Amino acid sequence: MTALNTMVKKVAGLADTKDVTPWQNRFIKNVVRQTSNGDNTTSLTEAQIDTLEELYERHFA
């Protein structure tokens, strides 16, 4: 499985694109901010991790 910090950094590239919904865009921006651009993923909840994994798999797997 891909490391969470890698997922955050890749998914961050989807922000402000037409590839994500407005809700997903806000989610991505919040996760990027919360994790200091993917450098510290320890604060993510299980629900956030699940959503991050879904986004990653949809766009990069």
N, C-alpha and C. Protein backbone atom coordinates (compact mmCIF):
# COMPACT_ATOMS: atom_id res chain seq x y z
N MET A 1 0.84 -1.19 0.00
CA MET A 1 0.00 0.00 0.00
C MET A 1 0.88 1.25 0.00
N THR A 2 0.41 2.26 -0.65
CA THR A 2 1.12 3.53 -0.73
C THR A 2 1.09 4.24 0.62
N ALA A 3 2.18 4.87 0.99
CA ALA A 3 2.27 5.61 2.25
C ALA A 3 1.31 6.80 2.24
N LEU A 4 0.77 7.11 3.41
CA LEU A 4 -0.19 8.21 3.52
C LEU A 4 0.40 9.53 3.05
N ASN A 5 1.66 9.81 3.42
CA ASN A 5 2.24 11.09 3.02
C ASN A 5 2.34 11.19 1.49
N THR A 6 2.63 10.09 0.84
CA THR A 6 2.67 10.08 -0.63
C THR A 6 1.29 10.33 -1.20
N MET A 7 0.28 9.69 -0.60
CA MET A 7 -1.10 9.90 -1.06
C MET A 7 -1.50 11.36 -0.95
N VAL A 8 -1.20 11.97 0.19
CA VAL A 8 -1.56 13.38 0.39
C VAL A 8 -0.89 14.24 -0.67
N LYS A 9 0.38 14.01 -0.90
CA LYS A 9 1.12 14.84 -1.86
C LYS A 9 0.60 14.67 -3.28
N LYS A 10 0.23 13.46 -3.66
CA LYS A 10 -0.30 13.25 -5.01
C LYS A 10 -1.71 13.81 -5.15
N VAL A 11 -2.56 13.53 -4.16
CA VAL A 11 -3.94 14.01 -4.20
C VAL A 11 -3.98 15.54 -4.16
N ALA A 12 -2.99 16.16 -3.53
CA ALA A 12 -2.94 17.62 -3.46
C ALA A 12 -2.93 18.24 -4.86
N GLY A 13 -2.37 17.53 -5.80
CA GLY A 13 -2.33 18.03 -7.18
C GLY A 13 -3.70 18.10 -7.84
N LEU A 14 -4.70 17.45 -7.24
CA LEU A 14 -6.06 17.49 -7.78
C LEU A 14 -6.83 18.73 -7.34
N ALA A 15 -6.33 19.43 -6.33
CA ALA A 15 -7.02 20.61 -5.81
C ALA A 15 -7.20 21.64 -6.92
N ASP A 16 -8.38 22.25 -6.91
CA ASP A 16 -8.73 23.30 -7.87
C ASP A 16 -8.72 22.82 -9.32
N THR A 17 -9.00 21.53 -9.53
CA THR A 17 -9.15 21.02 -10.89
C THR A 17 -10.59 20.56 -11.09
N LYS A 18 -10.93 20.28 -12.32
CA LYS A 18 -12.27 19.79 -12.63
C LYS A 18 -12.41 18.29 -12.35
N ASP A 19 -11.32 17.66 -11.91
CA ASP A 19 -11.34 16.23 -11.63
C ASP A 19 -11.98 15.87 -10.30
N VAL A 20 -12.24 16.87 -9.46
CA VAL A 20 -12.84 16.61 -8.15
C VAL A 20 -14.06 17.50 -7.94
N THR A 21 -14.95 17.04 -7.07
CA THR A 21 -16.14 17.82 -6.74
C THR A 21 -15.75 18.96 -5.80
N PRO A 22 -16.62 19.93 -5.62
CA PRO A 22 -16.32 21.00 -4.66
C PRO A 22 -16.05 20.46 -3.25
N TRP A 23 -16.82 19.45 -2.83
CA TRP A 23 -16.60 18.86 -1.50
C TRP A 23 -15.22 18.21 -1.43
N GLN A 24 -14.86 17.43 -2.45
CA GLN A 24 -13.55 16.78 -2.48
C GLN A 24 -12.44 17.82 -2.49
N ASN A 25 -12.64 18.91 -3.21
CA ASN A 25 -11.65 19.98 -3.26
C ASN A 25 -11.40 20.56 -1.87
N ARG A 26 -12.48 20.83 -1.14
CA ARG A 26 -12.32 21.34 0.24
C ARG A 26 -11.64 20.30 1.12
N PHE A 27 -12.02 19.04 0.97
CA PHE A 27 -11.41 17.97 1.74
C PHE A 27 -9.91 17.92 1.49
N ILE A 28 -9.52 17.93 0.23
CA ILE A 28 -8.10 17.87 -0.13
C ILE A 28 -7.34 19.03 0.49
N LYS A 29 -7.86 20.24 0.34
CA LYS A 29 -7.18 21.41 0.90
C LYS A 29 -7.05 21.32 2.41
N ASN A 30 -8.10 20.84 3.08
CA ASN A 30 -8.05 20.70 4.54
C ASN A 30 -7.03 19.66 4.97
N VAL A 31 -6.99 18.53 4.28
CA VAL A 31 -6.03 17.48 4.63
C VAL A 31 -4.60 17.95 4.37
N VAL A 32 -4.38 18.63 3.27
CA VAL A 32 -3.04 19.15 2.98
C VAL A 32 -2.60 20.12 4.08
N ARG A 33 -3.51 21.00 4.49
CA ARG A 33 -3.19 21.96 5.55
C ARG A 33 -2.96 21.23 6.88
N GLN A 34 -3.86 20.30 7.21
CA GLN A 34 -3.79 19.58 8.48
C GLN A 34 -2.50 18.76 8.60
N THR A 35 -2.00 18.25 7.49
CA THR A 35 -0.82 17.38 7.53
C THR A 35 0.46 18.10 7.13
N SER A 36 0.44 19.39 7.06
CA SER A 36 1.62 20.17 6.63
C SER A 36 2.14 19.64 5.30
N ASN A 37 1.25 19.62 4.32
CA ASN A 37 1.59 19.16 2.96
C ASN A 37 2.02 17.69 2.92
N GLY A 38 1.44 16.89 3.82
CA GLY A 38 1.72 15.46 3.83
C GLY A 38 2.89 15.05 4.70
N ASP A 39 3.55 16.01 5.33
CA ASP A 39 4.73 15.69 6.13
C ASP A 39 4.40 15.08 7.49
N ASN A 40 3.18 15.28 8.01
CA ASN A 40 2.80 14.73 9.31
C ASN A 40 1.36 14.24 9.23
N THR A 41 1.19 12.96 8.96
CA THR A 41 -0.15 12.40 8.76
C THR A 41 -0.73 11.78 10.03
N THR A 42 -0.06 11.92 11.16
CA THR A 42 -0.51 11.27 12.40
C THR A 42 -1.83 11.82 12.91
N SER A 43 -2.22 13.01 12.50
CA SER A 43 -3.45 13.62 13.01
C SER A 43 -4.70 13.22 12.21
N LEU A 44 -4.53 12.46 11.14
CA LEU A 44 -5.68 12.08 10.32
C LEU A 44 -6.54 11.05 11.04
N THR A 45 -7.86 11.22 10.91
CA THR A 45 -8.79 10.25 11.48
C THR A 45 -8.95 9.07 10.51
N GLU A 46 -9.54 7.99 11.00
CA GLU A 46 -9.79 6.83 10.14
C GLU A 46 -10.68 7.22 8.96
N ALA A 47 -11.69 8.05 9.22
CA ALA A 47 -12.59 8.48 8.15
C ALA A 47 -11.83 9.29 7.09
N GLN A 48 -10.94 10.17 7.54
CA GLN A 48 -10.14 10.96 6.59
C GLN A 48 -9.23 10.05 5.78
N ILE A 49 -8.63 9.07 6.43
CA ILE A 49 -7.75 8.13 5.74
C ILE A 49 -8.54 7.34 4.70
N ASP A 50 -9.73 6.89 5.06
CA ASP A 50 -10.57 6.15 4.11
C ASP A 50 -10.89 7.00 2.89
N THR A 51 -11.27 8.24 3.11
CA THR A 51 -11.60 9.14 1.99
C THR A 51 -10.37 9.43 1.15
N LEU A 52 -9.24 9.65 1.80
CA LEU A 52 -7.99 9.89 1.08
C LEU A 52 -7.63 8.69 0.21
N GLU A 53 -7.76 7.49 0.77
CA GLU A 53 -7.47 6.28 0.00
C GLU A 53 -8.40 6.14 -1.19
N GLU A 54 -9.68 6.45 -1.00
CA GLU A 54 -10.64 6.38 -2.11
C GLU A 54 -10.27 7.35 -3.23
N LEU A 55 -9.93 8.57 -2.86
CA LEU A 55 -9.53 9.56 -3.86
C LEU A 55 -8.26 9.11 -4.59
N TYR A 56 -7.30 8.62 -3.83
CA TYR A 56 -6.04 8.17 -4.42
C TYR A 56 -6.28 7.02 -5.39
N GLU A 57 -7.05 6.04 -4.96
CA GLU A 57 -7.31 4.88 -5.82
C GLU A 57 -8.07 5.27 -7.08
N ARG A 58 -9.01 6.20 -6.95
CA ARG A 58 -9.80 6.63 -8.10
C ARG A 58 -8.94 7.34 -9.14
N HIS A 59 -7.97 8.11 -8.70
CA HIS A 59 -7.22 8.94 -9.64
C HIS A 59 -5.81 8.45 -9.95
N PHE A 60 -5.24 7.58 -9.10
CA PHE A 60 -3.84 7.20 -9.31
C PHE A 60 -3.57 5.70 -9.34
N ALA A 61 -4.56 4.88 -9.05
CA ALA A 61 -4.31 3.43 -9.02
C ALA A 61 -4.57 2.80 -10.37
